[in-house]
N, C-alpha and C. Protein backbone atom coordinates (compact mmCIF):
# COMPACT_ATOMS: atom_id res chain seq x y z
N MET A 1 112.41 107.88 90.45
CA MET A 1 112.43 108.67 91.69
C MET A 1 111.79 107.87 92.81
N LYS A 2 112.49 107.75 93.93
CA LYS A 2 111.94 107.07 95.10
C LYS A 2 111.10 108.06 95.89
N VAL A 3 109.80 107.80 95.96
CA VAL A 3 108.87 108.70 96.63
C VAL A 3 108.80 108.40 98.12
N SER A 4 108.80 107.12 98.44
CA SER A 4 108.79 106.64 99.82
C SER A 4 109.53 105.30 99.81
N PRO A 5 109.72 104.66 100.96
CA PRO A 5 110.51 103.42 100.96
C PRO A 5 110.05 102.37 99.95
N HIS A 6 108.75 102.32 99.65
CA HIS A 6 108.24 101.26 98.78
C HIS A 6 107.44 101.79 97.60
N VAL A 7 107.56 103.07 97.30
CA VAL A 7 106.85 103.67 96.16
C VAL A 7 107.85 104.38 95.26
N ILE A 8 107.86 103.99 93.99
CA ILE A 8 108.77 104.54 92.99
C ILE A 8 107.96 105.25 91.91
N ARG A 9 108.39 106.45 91.53
CA ARG A 9 107.75 107.14 90.40
C ARG A 9 108.58 106.90 89.14
N ILE A 10 107.89 106.50 88.08
CA ILE A 10 108.48 106.42 86.75
C ILE A 10 107.87 107.55 85.96
N GLY A 11 108.64 108.61 85.68
CA GLY A 11 108.10 109.84 85.12
C GLY A 11 107.53 109.66 83.73
N GLY A 12 106.72 110.66 83.32
CA GLY A 12 106.15 110.65 81.99
C GLY A 12 107.20 110.96 80.94
N ILE A 13 106.76 111.27 79.73
CA ILE A 13 107.69 111.61 78.65
C ILE A 13 108.60 112.74 79.11
N PHE A 14 109.90 112.61 78.87
CA PHE A 14 110.94 113.50 79.37
C PHE A 14 111.07 113.43 80.89
N GLY A 15 110.42 112.45 81.52
CA GLY A 15 110.55 112.26 82.96
C GLY A 15 109.78 113.23 83.80
N THR A 16 108.90 114.03 83.19
CA THR A 16 108.25 115.10 83.94
C THR A 16 106.84 114.79 84.38
N GLY A 17 106.15 113.96 83.62
CA GLY A 17 104.73 113.76 83.89
C GLY A 17 103.89 114.93 83.42
N VAL A 18 104.50 115.90 82.74
CA VAL A 18 103.73 117.02 82.21
C VAL A 18 103.04 116.59 80.92
N TRP A 19 103.79 116.00 80.00
CA TRP A 19 103.18 115.43 78.80
C TRP A 19 103.32 113.92 78.91
N GLY A 20 102.23 113.26 79.12
CA GLY A 20 102.27 111.84 79.42
C GLY A 20 102.28 111.66 80.92
N ALA A 21 101.55 110.66 81.38
CA ALA A 21 101.32 110.52 82.81
C ALA A 21 102.43 109.77 83.52
N ASN A 22 102.60 110.08 84.79
CA ASN A 22 103.48 109.31 85.66
C ASN A 22 102.93 107.91 85.87
N VAL A 23 103.83 106.99 86.08
CA VAL A 23 103.51 105.62 86.46
C VAL A 23 104.16 105.37 87.82
N TYR A 24 103.48 104.65 88.69
CA TYR A 24 104.03 104.37 90.02
C TYR A 24 104.18 102.87 90.22
N LEU A 25 105.27 102.50 90.86
CA LEU A 25 105.59 101.11 91.15
C LEU A 25 105.59 100.93 92.66
N LEU A 26 104.75 100.03 93.14
CA LEU A 26 104.67 99.73 94.57
C LEU A 26 105.39 98.41 94.83
N ILE A 27 106.35 98.45 95.72
CA ILE A 27 107.22 97.29 95.95
C ILE A 27 106.82 96.60 97.25
N ASP A 28 106.33 95.38 97.11
CA ASP A 28 105.95 94.56 98.26
C ASP A 28 106.50 93.17 97.98
N ASP A 29 105.85 92.12 98.47
CA ASP A 29 106.33 90.78 98.12
C ASP A 29 106.23 90.55 96.61
N LYS A 30 105.25 91.21 95.99
CA LYS A 30 105.15 91.30 94.54
C LYS A 30 105.08 92.77 94.18
N LEU A 31 105.06 93.08 92.88
CA LEU A 31 105.03 94.47 92.42
C LEU A 31 103.64 94.84 91.93
N THR A 32 103.25 96.07 92.22
CA THR A 32 102.00 96.63 91.71
C THR A 32 102.32 97.88 90.91
N LEU A 33 101.79 97.96 89.70
CA LEU A 33 101.88 99.17 88.90
C LEU A 33 100.61 99.98 89.07
N VAL A 34 100.77 101.29 89.14
CA VAL A 34 99.62 102.19 89.13
C VAL A 34 99.72 103.01 87.85
N ASP A 35 98.78 102.74 86.93
CA ASP A 35 98.73 103.33 85.60
C ASP A 35 99.89 102.85 84.73
N THR A 36 99.78 103.13 83.42
CA THR A 36 100.76 102.58 82.48
C THR A 36 101.26 103.60 81.46
N GLY A 37 100.78 104.85 81.52
CA GLY A 37 101.24 105.86 80.57
C GLY A 37 100.67 105.64 79.19
N PHE A 38 101.13 106.49 78.26
CA PHE A 38 100.72 106.38 76.86
C PHE A 38 101.20 105.07 76.25
N ARG A 39 100.63 104.73 75.13
CA ARG A 39 101.14 103.62 74.32
C ARG A 39 102.63 103.88 74.03
N GLY A 40 103.44 102.84 74.10
CA GLY A 40 104.86 102.98 73.84
C GLY A 40 105.71 103.14 75.09
N ARG A 41 105.08 103.16 76.28
CA ARG A 41 105.84 103.33 77.53
C ARG A 41 106.29 102.01 78.14
N ALA A 42 105.83 100.88 77.62
CA ALA A 42 106.07 99.60 78.28
C ALA A 42 107.56 99.32 78.45
N ASN A 43 108.35 99.57 77.42
CA ASN A 43 109.79 99.28 77.52
C ASN A 43 110.45 100.10 78.61
N GLN A 44 110.09 101.38 78.70
CA GLN A 44 110.65 102.24 79.75
C GLN A 44 110.30 101.71 81.13
N ILE A 45 109.05 101.31 81.30
CA ILE A 45 108.59 100.81 82.59
C ILE A 45 109.32 99.52 82.95
N LEU A 46 109.39 98.59 82.02
CA LEU A 46 110.04 97.30 82.30
C LEU A 46 111.54 97.45 82.49
N ARG A 47 112.13 98.41 81.81
CA ARG A 47 113.55 98.69 82.01
C ARG A 47 113.80 99.13 83.45
N LYS A 48 112.93 99.99 83.96
CA LYS A 48 113.07 100.44 85.35
C LYS A 48 112.88 99.29 86.32
N VAL A 49 111.91 98.43 86.04
CA VAL A 49 111.67 97.26 86.89
C VAL A 49 112.93 96.40 86.96
N LYS A 50 113.58 96.18 85.83
CA LYS A 50 114.80 95.37 85.79
C LYS A 50 115.96 96.07 86.50
N GLN A 51 116.06 97.40 86.36
CA GLN A 51 117.10 98.15 87.06
C GLN A 51 116.98 98.00 88.57
N LEU A 52 115.76 97.82 89.05
CA LEU A 52 115.52 97.66 90.48
C LEU A 52 115.75 96.23 90.95
N GLY A 53 116.11 95.34 90.02
CA GLY A 53 116.42 93.97 90.38
C GLY A 53 115.26 93.00 90.30
N PHE A 54 114.19 93.41 89.63
CA PHE A 54 113.02 92.56 89.48
C PHE A 54 112.86 92.14 88.03
N SER A 55 111.92 91.23 87.80
CA SER A 55 111.60 90.81 86.44
C SER A 55 110.15 91.17 86.14
N PRO A 56 109.77 91.25 84.86
CA PRO A 56 108.38 91.57 84.53
C PRO A 56 107.37 90.66 85.20
N SER A 57 107.72 89.39 85.38
CA SER A 57 106.78 88.45 86.00
C SER A 57 106.53 88.75 87.47
N ASP A 58 107.34 89.63 88.07
CA ASP A 58 107.10 90.03 89.46
C ASP A 58 105.93 91.00 89.59
N ILE A 59 105.51 91.59 88.47
CA ILE A 59 104.34 92.49 88.49
C ILE A 59 103.09 91.63 88.44
N ASN A 60 102.33 91.62 89.52
CA ASN A 60 101.14 90.77 89.53
C ASN A 60 99.84 91.56 89.60
N ARG A 61 99.95 92.89 89.61
CA ARG A 61 98.75 93.72 89.75
C ARG A 61 98.99 95.06 89.04
N ILE A 62 98.01 95.50 88.26
CA ILE A 62 98.05 96.82 87.63
C ILE A 62 96.77 97.55 88.00
N ILE A 63 96.92 98.65 88.72
CA ILE A 63 95.77 99.45 89.14
C ILE A 63 95.65 100.64 88.19
N ILE A 64 94.46 100.86 87.66
CA ILE A 64 94.21 101.98 86.76
C ILE A 64 93.40 103.04 87.50
N THR A 65 93.93 104.26 87.57
CA THR A 65 93.22 105.33 88.29
C THR A 65 92.05 105.88 87.49
N HIS A 66 92.15 105.87 86.15
CA HIS A 66 91.04 106.27 85.29
C HIS A 66 91.37 105.92 83.85
N HIS A 67 90.38 106.07 82.97
CA HIS A 67 90.47 105.45 81.65
C HIS A 67 91.17 106.26 80.57
N HIS A 68 91.68 107.43 80.83
CA HIS A 68 92.25 108.25 79.76
C HIS A 68 93.48 107.59 79.13
N ALA A 69 93.68 107.92 77.84
CA ALA A 69 94.70 107.23 77.05
C ALA A 69 96.11 107.39 77.60
N ASP A 70 96.38 108.51 78.27
CA ASP A 70 97.73 108.71 78.81
C ASP A 70 97.97 107.91 80.08
N HIS A 71 96.95 107.21 80.55
CA HIS A 71 97.08 106.35 81.73
C HIS A 71 96.95 104.86 81.40
N ILE A 72 96.29 104.54 80.28
CA ILE A 72 96.06 103.12 79.95
C ILE A 72 96.68 102.72 78.61
N GLY A 73 97.43 103.62 77.98
CA GLY A 73 97.93 103.33 76.63
C GLY A 73 98.81 102.11 76.53
N SER A 74 99.60 101.83 77.57
CA SER A 74 100.50 100.66 77.55
C SER A 74 99.95 99.49 78.35
N LEU A 75 98.68 99.58 78.74
CA LEU A 75 98.12 98.54 79.59
C LEU A 75 98.08 97.19 78.88
N ALA A 76 97.59 97.15 77.65
CA ALA A 76 97.39 95.86 76.98
C ALA A 76 98.71 95.10 76.84
N ILE A 77 99.75 95.77 76.42
CA ILE A 77 101.04 95.08 76.22
C ILE A 77 101.65 94.67 77.56
N LEU A 78 101.50 95.51 78.58
CA LEU A 78 102.04 95.15 79.89
C LEU A 78 101.28 93.98 80.50
N LYS A 79 99.98 93.96 80.30
CA LYS A 79 99.19 92.82 80.79
C LYS A 79 99.60 91.54 80.08
N GLU A 80 99.82 91.64 78.78
CA GLU A 80 100.23 90.46 78.01
C GLU A 80 101.59 89.93 78.47
N ILE A 81 102.53 90.84 78.74
CA ILE A 81 103.88 90.43 79.12
C ILE A 81 103.92 89.89 80.55
N THR A 82 103.23 90.57 81.46
CA THR A 82 103.35 90.25 82.89
C THR A 82 102.31 89.27 83.39
N LYS A 83 101.19 89.15 82.66
CA LYS A 83 100.05 88.34 83.10
C LYS A 83 99.44 88.89 84.39
N ALA A 84 99.61 90.17 84.63
CA ALA A 84 99.11 90.80 85.85
C ALA A 84 97.59 90.93 85.83
N THR A 85 97.01 90.97 87.01
CA THR A 85 95.59 91.26 87.18
C THR A 85 95.36 92.76 87.07
N VAL A 86 94.38 93.16 86.28
CA VAL A 86 94.07 94.58 86.07
C VAL A 86 92.87 94.97 86.93
N LEU A 87 93.04 96.06 87.67
CA LEU A 87 91.99 96.54 88.56
C LEU A 87 91.59 97.95 88.15
N ALA A 88 90.27 98.22 88.16
CA ALA A 88 89.76 99.55 87.85
C ALA A 88 88.35 99.67 88.39
N HIS A 89 87.86 100.90 88.48
CA HIS A 89 86.49 101.13 88.93
C HIS A 89 85.52 100.73 87.82
N PRO A 90 84.38 100.13 88.17
CA PRO A 90 83.45 99.67 87.13
C PRO A 90 82.90 100.77 86.24
N ALA A 91 82.85 102.01 86.72
CA ALA A 91 82.35 103.10 85.87
C ALA A 91 83.29 103.43 84.72
N ASP A 92 84.57 103.13 84.88
CA ASP A 92 85.55 103.39 83.81
C ASP A 92 85.90 102.14 83.01
N ALA A 93 85.52 100.97 83.52
CA ALA A 93 85.89 99.71 82.86
C ALA A 93 85.45 99.63 81.40
N PRO A 94 84.25 100.11 81.02
CA PRO A 94 83.85 99.99 79.61
C PRO A 94 84.76 100.74 78.64
N TYR A 95 85.40 101.81 79.11
CA TYR A 95 86.32 102.56 78.25
C TYR A 95 87.68 101.86 78.15
N ILE A 96 87.99 101.06 79.15
CA ILE A 96 89.26 100.33 79.18
C ILE A 96 89.18 99.06 78.34
N ASP A 97 88.05 98.36 78.44
CA ASP A 97 87.93 97.09 77.72
C ASP A 97 87.36 97.24 76.31
N GLY A 98 87.04 98.47 75.91
CA GLY A 98 86.62 98.71 74.54
C GLY A 98 85.13 98.65 74.29
N ARG A 99 84.32 98.42 75.33
CA ARG A 99 82.88 98.43 75.13
C ARG A 99 82.39 99.83 74.75
N LEU A 100 83.09 100.86 75.24
CA LEU A 100 82.80 102.24 74.87
C LEU A 100 84.07 102.87 74.32
N PRO A 101 83.95 103.78 73.33
CA PRO A 101 85.14 104.43 72.78
C PRO A 101 85.69 105.47 73.74
N GLN A 102 86.97 105.76 73.62
CA GLN A 102 87.56 106.84 74.39
C GLN A 102 86.88 108.15 73.99
N PRO A 103 86.37 108.91 74.96
CA PRO A 103 85.66 110.15 74.62
C PRO A 103 86.62 111.26 74.21
N GLY A 104 86.08 112.25 73.52
CA GLY A 104 86.84 113.45 73.20
C GLY A 104 86.85 114.40 74.38
N PRO A 105 87.30 115.64 74.17
CA PRO A 105 87.34 116.62 75.26
C PRO A 105 85.97 116.83 75.88
N ALA A 106 85.94 116.97 77.20
CA ALA A 106 84.68 117.23 77.90
C ALA A 106 84.16 118.63 77.60
N ARG A 107 85.08 119.55 77.29
CA ARG A 107 84.72 120.92 76.96
C ARG A 107 85.43 121.33 75.68
N PRO A 108 84.68 121.93 74.75
CA PRO A 108 85.31 122.32 73.49
C PRO A 108 86.30 123.46 73.69
N SER A 109 87.48 123.29 73.17
CA SER A 109 88.50 124.34 73.20
C SER A 109 89.53 124.00 72.14
N SER A 110 90.26 125.01 71.68
CA SER A 110 91.29 124.75 70.68
C SER A 110 92.37 123.83 71.24
N LEU A 111 92.73 124.04 72.53
CA LEU A 111 93.73 123.17 73.16
C LEU A 111 93.22 121.74 73.23
N GLY A 112 91.97 121.59 73.66
CA GLY A 112 91.41 120.25 73.78
C GLY A 112 91.37 119.52 72.45
N LYS A 113 90.98 120.24 71.40
CA LYS A 113 90.93 119.62 70.07
C LYS A 113 92.33 119.22 69.61
N THR A 114 93.31 120.09 69.89
CA THR A 114 94.68 119.79 69.49
C THR A 114 95.21 118.56 70.21
N LEU A 115 94.99 118.52 71.53
CA LEU A 115 95.46 117.37 72.31
C LEU A 115 94.75 116.09 71.90
N TYR A 116 93.46 116.22 71.59
CA TYR A 116 92.71 115.04 71.16
C TYR A 116 93.27 114.50 69.85
N ARG A 117 93.60 115.41 68.92
CA ARG A 117 94.19 114.97 67.65
C ARG A 117 95.55 114.32 67.88
N LEU A 118 96.36 114.93 68.76
CA LEU A 118 97.66 114.34 69.07
C LEU A 118 97.50 112.96 69.69
N GLY A 119 96.45 112.81 70.50
CA GLY A 119 96.21 111.54 71.15
C GLY A 119 95.96 110.40 70.19
N ARG A 120 95.55 110.74 68.96
CA ARG A 120 95.32 109.69 67.97
C ARG A 120 96.61 109.00 67.55
N PHE A 121 97.74 109.66 67.82
CA PHE A 121 99.03 109.02 67.55
C PHE A 121 99.36 107.98 68.62
N PHE A 122 98.56 107.94 69.69
CA PHE A 122 98.78 106.99 70.79
C PHE A 122 97.50 106.18 71.00
N PRO A 123 97.09 105.39 70.01
CA PRO A 123 95.82 104.67 70.13
C PRO A 123 95.85 103.67 71.29
N VAL A 124 94.67 103.43 71.83
CA VAL A 124 94.54 102.53 72.97
C VAL A 124 94.04 101.16 72.50
N THR A 125 94.77 100.12 72.85
CA THR A 125 94.31 98.75 72.61
C THR A 125 93.48 98.32 73.82
N PRO A 126 92.23 97.90 73.61
CA PRO A 126 91.39 97.50 74.75
C PRO A 126 92.04 96.39 75.56
N SER A 127 91.74 96.40 76.84
CA SER A 127 92.28 95.40 77.76
C SER A 127 91.22 95.03 78.78
N THR A 128 91.13 93.78 79.11
CA THR A 128 90.14 93.31 80.08
C THR A 128 90.46 93.82 81.47
N VAL A 129 89.42 94.26 82.17
CA VAL A 129 89.54 94.58 83.59
C VAL A 129 89.17 93.32 84.36
N ASP A 130 90.11 92.79 85.11
CA ASP A 130 89.91 91.51 85.79
C ASP A 130 89.19 91.66 87.12
N GLN A 131 89.36 92.80 87.77
CA GLN A 131 88.80 92.98 89.10
C GLN A 131 88.29 94.41 89.26
N ALA A 132 87.01 94.54 89.59
CA ALA A 132 86.44 95.86 89.86
C ALA A 132 86.80 96.28 91.27
N VAL A 133 87.17 97.54 91.43
CA VAL A 133 87.45 98.08 92.76
C VAL A 133 86.49 99.23 93.02
N ASN A 134 86.07 99.32 94.27
CA ASN A 134 85.07 100.31 94.66
C ASN A 134 85.50 101.02 95.94
N GLU A 135 84.79 102.08 96.25
CA GLU A 135 85.03 102.85 97.46
C GLU A 135 85.10 101.92 98.67
N GLY A 136 86.15 102.06 99.47
CA GLY A 136 86.28 101.30 100.70
C GLY A 136 87.00 99.98 100.56
N ASP A 137 87.28 99.55 99.34
CA ASP A 137 88.04 98.31 99.17
C ASP A 137 89.46 98.49 99.72
N VAL A 138 89.99 97.42 100.28
CA VAL A 138 91.36 97.42 100.78
C VAL A 138 92.11 96.30 100.07
N LEU A 139 93.18 96.67 99.39
CA LEU A 139 93.96 95.71 98.62
C LEU A 139 95.15 95.23 99.43
N PRO A 140 95.56 93.97 99.24
CA PRO A 140 96.65 93.39 100.05
C PRO A 140 98.03 93.83 99.56
N VAL A 141 98.26 95.13 99.62
CA VAL A 141 99.52 95.73 99.18
C VAL A 141 99.97 96.73 100.24
N LEU A 142 101.24 96.71 100.60
CA LEU A 142 101.81 97.66 101.56
C LEU A 142 100.99 97.74 102.85
N GLY A 143 100.60 96.60 103.34
CA GLY A 143 99.89 96.56 104.61
C GLY A 143 98.43 96.96 104.54
N GLY A 144 97.90 97.16 103.36
CA GLY A 144 96.50 97.53 103.19
C GLY A 144 96.35 98.82 102.41
N LEU A 145 96.08 98.70 101.13
CA LEU A 145 95.98 99.84 100.23
C LEU A 145 94.50 100.18 100.06
N GLN A 146 94.12 101.37 100.48
CA GLN A 146 92.71 101.77 100.48
C GLN A 146 92.32 102.41 99.16
N VAL A 147 91.14 102.05 98.67
CA VAL A 147 90.61 102.60 97.42
C VAL A 147 89.58 103.68 97.74
N LEU A 148 89.73 104.84 97.11
CA LEU A 148 88.77 105.92 97.24
C LEU A 148 88.18 106.20 95.86
N HIS A 149 86.86 106.17 95.75
CA HIS A 149 86.21 106.55 94.50
C HIS A 149 86.09 108.07 94.49
N THR A 150 86.76 108.71 93.53
CA THR A 150 86.84 110.17 93.48
C THR A 150 86.40 110.66 92.11
N PRO A 151 85.11 110.57 91.80
CA PRO A 151 84.63 110.94 90.47
C PRO A 151 84.76 112.44 90.21
N GLY A 152 84.75 112.78 88.95
CA GLY A 152 84.86 114.18 88.54
C GLY A 152 85.66 114.29 87.26
N HIS A 153 86.92 113.89 87.33
CA HIS A 153 87.75 113.89 86.11
C HIS A 153 87.17 112.88 85.12
N THR A 154 86.86 111.69 85.61
CA THR A 154 86.06 110.70 84.90
C THR A 154 85.08 110.12 85.91
N PRO A 155 84.03 109.42 85.44
CA PRO A 155 83.07 108.86 86.39
C PRO A 155 83.68 107.84 87.35
N GLY A 156 84.70 107.11 86.87
CA GLY A 156 85.27 106.04 87.69
C GLY A 156 86.67 106.33 88.20
N SER A 157 87.03 107.59 88.31
CA SER A 157 88.37 107.93 88.83
C SER A 157 88.52 107.44 90.27
N ILE A 158 89.71 106.92 90.58
CA ILE A 158 90.01 106.50 91.94
C ILE A 158 91.35 107.07 92.39
N CYS A 159 91.49 107.17 93.71
CA CYS A 159 92.77 107.41 94.36
C CYS A 159 93.08 106.17 95.18
N ILE A 160 94.35 105.95 95.46
CA ILE A 160 94.72 104.86 96.36
C ILE A 160 95.61 105.43 97.47
N PHE A 161 95.37 104.95 98.67
CA PHE A 161 96.00 105.52 99.86
C PHE A 161 96.66 104.41 100.66
N SER A 162 97.94 104.62 100.98
CA SER A 162 98.69 103.69 101.83
C SER A 162 98.93 104.34 103.19
N PRO A 163 98.15 103.98 104.22
CA PRO A 163 98.43 104.52 105.55
C PRO A 163 99.82 104.14 106.05
N GLU A 164 100.29 102.95 105.68
CA GLU A 164 101.61 102.50 106.14
C GLU A 164 102.72 103.39 105.60
N GLU A 165 102.63 103.76 104.32
CA GLU A 165 103.63 104.64 103.70
C GLU A 165 103.28 106.11 103.86
N ARG A 166 102.04 106.38 104.28
CA ARG A 166 101.51 107.75 104.37
C ARG A 166 101.58 108.44 103.01
N VAL A 167 101.21 107.66 101.98
CA VAL A 167 101.26 108.13 100.59
C VAL A 167 99.88 108.03 99.97
N LEU A 168 99.47 109.09 99.29
CA LEU A 168 98.25 109.09 98.50
C LEU A 168 98.64 109.21 97.03
N ILE A 169 98.18 108.28 96.21
CA ILE A 169 98.36 108.38 94.76
C ILE A 169 97.03 108.85 94.19
N ALA A 170 97.04 110.08 93.65
CA ALA A 170 95.80 110.79 93.36
C ALA A 170 95.35 110.70 91.91
N GLY A 171 96.12 110.04 91.04
CA GLY A 171 95.72 110.03 89.64
C GLY A 171 95.60 111.45 89.11
N ASP A 172 94.49 111.74 88.44
CA ASP A 172 94.25 113.09 87.94
C ASP A 172 93.19 113.83 88.74
N LEU A 173 93.01 113.43 90.00
CA LEU A 173 92.13 114.22 90.86
C LEU A 173 92.70 115.62 91.01
N LEU A 174 94.02 115.71 91.07
CA LEU A 174 94.75 116.97 91.15
C LEU A 174 95.91 116.90 90.17
N ALA A 175 96.54 118.03 89.94
CA ALA A 175 97.74 118.07 89.12
C ALA A 175 98.75 119.00 89.77
N ASN A 176 100.03 118.76 89.48
CA ASN A 176 101.09 119.60 90.05
C ASN A 176 102.11 119.91 88.96
N ARG A 177 101.59 120.30 87.79
CA ARG A 177 102.48 120.55 86.65
C ARG A 177 103.44 121.70 86.95
N PHE A 178 102.88 122.85 87.26
CA PHE A 178 103.69 124.02 87.58
C PHE A 178 103.33 124.57 88.96
N ARG A 179 102.12 124.25 89.38
CA ARG A 179 101.67 124.54 90.74
C ARG A 179 100.53 123.59 91.05
N LEU A 180 100.24 123.41 92.32
CA LEU A 180 99.17 122.51 92.74
C LEU A 180 97.82 123.10 92.36
N GLY A 181 96.98 122.28 91.75
CA GLY A 181 95.66 122.77 91.36
C GLY A 181 94.80 121.69 90.75
N LEU A 182 93.72 122.12 90.11
CA LEU A 182 92.80 121.20 89.46
C LEU A 182 93.44 120.62 88.20
N PRO A 183 92.98 119.45 87.78
CA PRO A 183 93.45 118.92 86.50
C PRO A 183 92.85 119.72 85.35
N SER A 184 93.22 119.38 84.15
CA SER A 184 92.70 120.07 82.97
C SER A 184 91.18 120.03 82.93
N ARG A 185 90.57 121.21 82.89
CA ARG A 185 89.10 121.26 82.78
C ARG A 185 88.64 120.73 81.43
N THR A 186 89.50 120.82 80.44
CA THR A 186 89.13 120.35 79.10
C THR A 186 88.77 118.88 79.11
N PHE A 187 89.44 118.10 79.95
CA PHE A 187 89.21 116.66 79.97
C PHE A 187 88.56 116.19 81.27
N THR A 188 87.98 117.11 82.04
CA THR A 188 87.28 116.76 83.28
C THR A 188 85.78 116.84 83.04
N VAL A 189 85.08 115.73 83.27
CA VAL A 189 83.68 115.67 82.86
C VAL A 189 82.75 116.42 83.81
N ASN A 190 83.13 116.55 85.08
CA ASN A 190 82.25 117.20 86.05
C ASN A 190 83.10 117.92 87.10
N ILE A 191 83.25 119.23 86.93
CA ILE A 191 84.11 120.01 87.82
C ILE A 191 83.56 120.03 89.24
N GLU A 192 82.25 120.14 89.39
CA GLU A 192 81.66 120.18 90.74
C GLU A 192 81.95 118.88 91.48
N GLN A 193 81.78 117.75 90.81
CA GLN A 193 82.13 116.46 91.42
C GLN A 193 83.61 116.42 91.77
N GLU A 194 84.43 116.94 90.87
CA GLU A 194 85.88 116.93 91.08
C GLU A 194 86.24 117.66 92.37
N ILE A 195 85.67 118.84 92.56
CA ILE A 195 85.97 119.64 93.75
C ILE A 195 85.48 118.93 95.01
N ASN A 196 84.30 118.33 94.94
CA ASN A 196 83.79 117.59 96.10
C ASN A 196 84.69 116.41 96.43
N SER A 197 85.23 115.75 95.41
CA SER A 197 86.15 114.64 95.65
C SER A 197 87.44 115.13 96.30
N ILE A 198 87.93 116.29 95.85
CA ILE A 198 89.15 116.86 96.45
C ILE A 198 88.93 117.17 97.92
N LYS A 199 87.76 117.68 98.26
CA LYS A 199 87.47 118.04 99.66
C LYS A 199 87.54 116.82 100.58
N ARG A 200 87.28 115.64 100.03
CA ARG A 200 87.33 114.43 100.85
C ARG A 200 88.73 114.15 101.38
N LEU A 201 89.73 114.67 100.69
CA LEU A 201 91.11 114.39 101.09
C LEU A 201 91.45 115.00 102.44
N ALA A 202 90.68 115.98 102.87
CA ALA A 202 90.92 116.62 104.17
C ALA A 202 90.79 115.62 105.31
N ASN A 203 90.09 114.52 105.08
CA ASN A 203 89.86 113.52 106.12
C ASN A 203 90.97 112.47 106.20
N LEU A 204 91.95 112.55 105.29
CA LEU A 204 93.02 111.56 105.26
C LEU A 204 94.28 112.11 105.91
N ASP A 205 95.08 111.20 106.44
CA ASP A 205 96.33 111.58 107.10
C ASP A 205 97.50 111.08 106.26
N PHE A 206 98.06 111.96 105.43
CA PHE A 206 99.17 111.57 104.56
C PHE A 206 100.22 112.67 104.54
N ASP A 207 101.45 112.25 104.27
CA ASP A 207 102.58 113.19 104.16
C ASP A 207 102.98 113.44 102.71
N ILE A 208 102.68 112.45 101.85
CA ILE A 208 103.15 112.48 100.46
C ILE A 208 101.95 112.30 99.54
N ILE A 209 101.91 113.10 98.48
CA ILE A 209 100.87 112.92 97.47
C ILE A 209 101.52 112.84 96.10
N CYS A 210 101.09 111.86 95.32
CA CYS A 210 101.63 111.62 93.98
C CYS A 210 100.55 111.91 92.95
N PHE A 211 100.95 112.52 91.86
CA PHE A 211 100.01 112.97 90.84
C PHE A 211 100.23 112.23 89.52
N GLY A 212 99.20 112.21 88.70
CA GLY A 212 99.37 111.70 87.35
C GLY A 212 100.26 112.60 86.53
N HIS A 213 100.21 113.90 86.82
CA HIS A 213 100.98 114.89 86.06
C HIS A 213 101.69 115.83 87.02
N GLY A 214 103.00 115.86 86.93
CA GLY A 214 103.79 116.73 87.80
C GLY A 214 104.48 115.96 88.91
N ALA A 215 105.35 116.66 89.61
CA ALA A 215 106.16 116.03 90.66
C ALA A 215 105.35 115.80 91.92
N PRO A 216 105.64 114.72 92.65
CA PRO A 216 104.99 114.50 93.94
C PRO A 216 105.34 115.60 94.94
N ILE A 217 104.46 115.81 95.90
CA ILE A 217 104.77 116.63 97.07
C ILE A 217 105.18 115.65 98.16
N THR A 218 106.42 115.73 98.60
CA THR A 218 106.97 114.72 99.51
C THR A 218 107.10 115.19 100.95
N HIS A 219 106.77 116.43 101.22
CA HIS A 219 106.79 116.93 102.59
C HIS A 219 105.59 117.85 102.79
N GLY A 220 104.83 117.59 103.85
CA GLY A 220 103.71 118.47 104.17
C GLY A 220 102.59 118.45 103.15
N ALA A 221 102.37 117.30 102.52
CA ALA A 221 101.36 117.23 101.47
C ALA A 221 99.96 117.49 102.01
N GLY A 222 99.67 116.98 103.20
CA GLY A 222 98.36 117.21 103.79
C GLY A 222 98.06 118.68 103.97
N ARG A 223 99.05 119.43 104.45
CA ARG A 223 98.86 120.88 104.62
C ARG A 223 98.64 121.57 103.28
N ALA A 224 99.39 121.13 102.27
CA ALA A 224 99.23 121.73 100.94
C ALA A 224 97.83 121.49 100.38
N ILE A 225 97.33 120.29 100.57
CA ILE A 225 95.99 119.97 100.07
C ILE A 225 94.93 120.75 100.84
N ASN A 226 95.08 120.83 102.15
CA ASN A 226 94.11 121.60 102.93
C ASN A 226 94.12 123.07 102.53
N GLY A 227 95.30 123.59 102.20
CA GLY A 227 95.38 124.97 101.72
C GLY A 227 94.65 125.14 100.40
N LEU A 228 94.79 124.16 99.50
CA LEU A 228 94.08 124.22 98.23
C LEU A 228 92.57 124.13 98.44
N ILE A 229 92.15 123.25 99.34
CA ILE A 229 90.71 123.12 99.62
C ILE A 229 90.15 124.44 100.12
N GLN A 230 90.87 125.10 101.02
CA GLN A 230 90.43 126.39 101.53
C GLN A 230 90.32 127.41 100.39
N LYS A 231 91.28 127.39 99.50
CA LYS A 231 91.26 128.31 98.36
C LYS A 231 90.06 128.03 97.46
N LEU A 232 89.78 126.76 97.22
CA LEU A 232 88.64 126.40 96.39
C LEU A 232 87.33 126.85 97.03
N GLU A 233 87.23 126.68 98.34
CA GLU A 233 86.01 127.09 99.04
C GLU A 233 85.81 128.60 98.98
N ASN A 234 86.91 129.34 98.97
CA ASN A 234 86.82 130.80 98.94
C ASN A 234 86.50 131.35 97.55
N THR A 235 86.70 130.52 96.53
CA THR A 235 86.49 131.01 95.16
C THR A 235 85.22 130.48 94.53
N ILE A 236 84.54 129.59 95.23
CA ILE A 236 83.30 129.02 94.68
C ILE A 236 82.11 129.91 95.06
């Protein structure tokens, strides 16, 4: 799915991003991947890259929004094939490179335990993080890709914002599975931090927002987010 002139969504399992995370491809002089989905997604991703007229070697950068298995499961194989530089926030890097194990559910629940068990069918191979990214960093992609540190879902969760495309890629800061809202509380380590990070989006000027799970909002995304922020403020 073409989200904007230079941003492509590669949907999750069944193309929905509901089970398994969306992957985004940013097309510039070189290609940048944002997240990699569960283990086993590499062929689907590279097939899409080839359909667009590129080769795997054109991918020179992989940005990870956070360390969960549905976002980094195919990272190791994609890094090996493409030789791309991997970027992530330093707070999540130990979970990506294997210094720390992938954690279980942040909150005990039958759903969380079930999903955690299912996740064992998609083990994560550790992968080196080549470049740490922090709040305020600007990457040389699409005229300047801004990094926002948005902790809550994980300590090192990030969003990336392209003013040129007016696109925000939010990772799991938010979800749009069936309606716009918070991500799964079961796997969110700090809900208060999460809400504070969401409120920061009110200061950005974007038309399109892309999620780790669910379809992008491609028209009036800023208004939709401000409406959600107002709702959150009224219910806290």
